[in-house]
């Protein structure tokens, strides 16, 4: 499983960075930067699903 981020949809709310700072950052423009795409293990999967659900612009997605 991997997480994807669509920078064109991103509103720069920063919920992803607050939720999972090891996986996300924000660019100078304020949009999402994906630092690590692979999701491994049940704990990472739970965190990734929660972070995707928090994104107000639906710029994040999980791919199997």
Protein backbone atom coordinates (compact mmCIF):
# COMPACT_ATOMS: atom_id res chain seq x y z
CA UNK A 1 0.00 0.00 0.00
CA UNK A 2 1.15 3.53 -0.67
CA UNK A 3 -0.17 7.01 -0.07
CA UNK A 4 -0.41 9.60 -2.84
CA UNK A 5 -0.76 13.37 -2.68
CA UNK A 6 -2.25 15.61 -5.38
CA UNK A 7 -0.60 19.01 -4.98
CA UNK A 8 -3.09 20.57 -7.42
CA UNK A 9 -5.98 19.76 -5.06
CA UNK A 10 -4.14 20.69 -1.86
CA UNK A 11 -5.46 23.76 -0.04
CA UNK A 12 -2.53 23.96 2.37
CA UNK A 13 -4.54 23.29 5.52
CA UNK A 14 -1.63 21.31 6.98
CA UNK A 15 -3.72 18.61 8.64
CA UNK A 16 -1.51 15.94 7.10
CA UNK A 17 1.65 17.48 8.57
CA UNK A 18 0.05 17.75 12.00
CA UNK A 19 -1.23 14.17 11.81
CA UNK A 20 1.90 12.49 10.41
CA UNK A 21 4.97 14.78 10.33
CA UNK A 22 7.27 11.86 9.47
CA UNK A 23 5.40 11.35 6.20
CA UNK A 24 4.35 14.89 5.19
CA UNK A 25 5.70 18.41 5.02
CA UNK A 26 4.59 21.62 3.30
CA UNK A 27 6.26 23.36 0.38
CA UNK A 28 7.16 27.04 0.38
CA UNK A 29 3.77 27.60 -1.30
CA UNK A 30 2.05 25.74 1.54
CA UNK A 31 1.01 22.66 -0.42
CA UNK A 32 1.63 19.09 0.65
CA UNK A 33 5.02 17.44 0.22
CA UNK A 34 5.02 13.67 0.48
CA UNK A 35 8.21 12.55 2.20
CA UNK A 36 7.52 8.80 2.26
CA UNK A 37 4.89 7.02 0.14
CA UNK A 38 5.03 3.33 1.19
CA UNK A 39 2.70 2.33 4.02
CA UNK A 40 3.86 -0.77 5.88
CA UNK A 41 2.30 -2.54 8.81
CA UNK A 42 -1.03 -2.15 10.56
CA UNK A 43 -0.04 0.86 12.68
CA UNK A 44 1.14 2.86 9.65
CA UNK A 45 -1.97 1.83 7.74
CA UNK A 46 -4.26 3.06 10.52
CA UNK A 47 -2.40 6.38 10.71
CA UNK A 48 -2.44 6.77 6.91
CA UNK A 49 -6.19 6.08 6.71
CA UNK A 50 -6.84 8.63 9.46
CA UNK A 51 -4.68 11.24 7.76
CA UNK A 52 -6.40 10.70 4.40
CA UNK A 53 -9.77 11.14 6.10
CA UNK A 54 -8.65 14.44 7.71
CA UNK A 55 -7.64 16.10 4.43
CA UNK A 56 -10.26 18.82 3.73
CA UNK A 57 -9.43 19.00 0.01
CA UNK A 58 -9.26 15.22 -0.51
CA UNK A 59 -5.77 15.62 -1.95
CA UNK A 60 -4.58 12.41 -0.28
CA UNK A 61 -5.39 8.86 -1.33
CA UNK A 62 -4.32 5.30 -0.55
CA UNK A 63 -3.42 2.91 -3.36
CA UNK A 64 -3.17 -0.84 -2.92
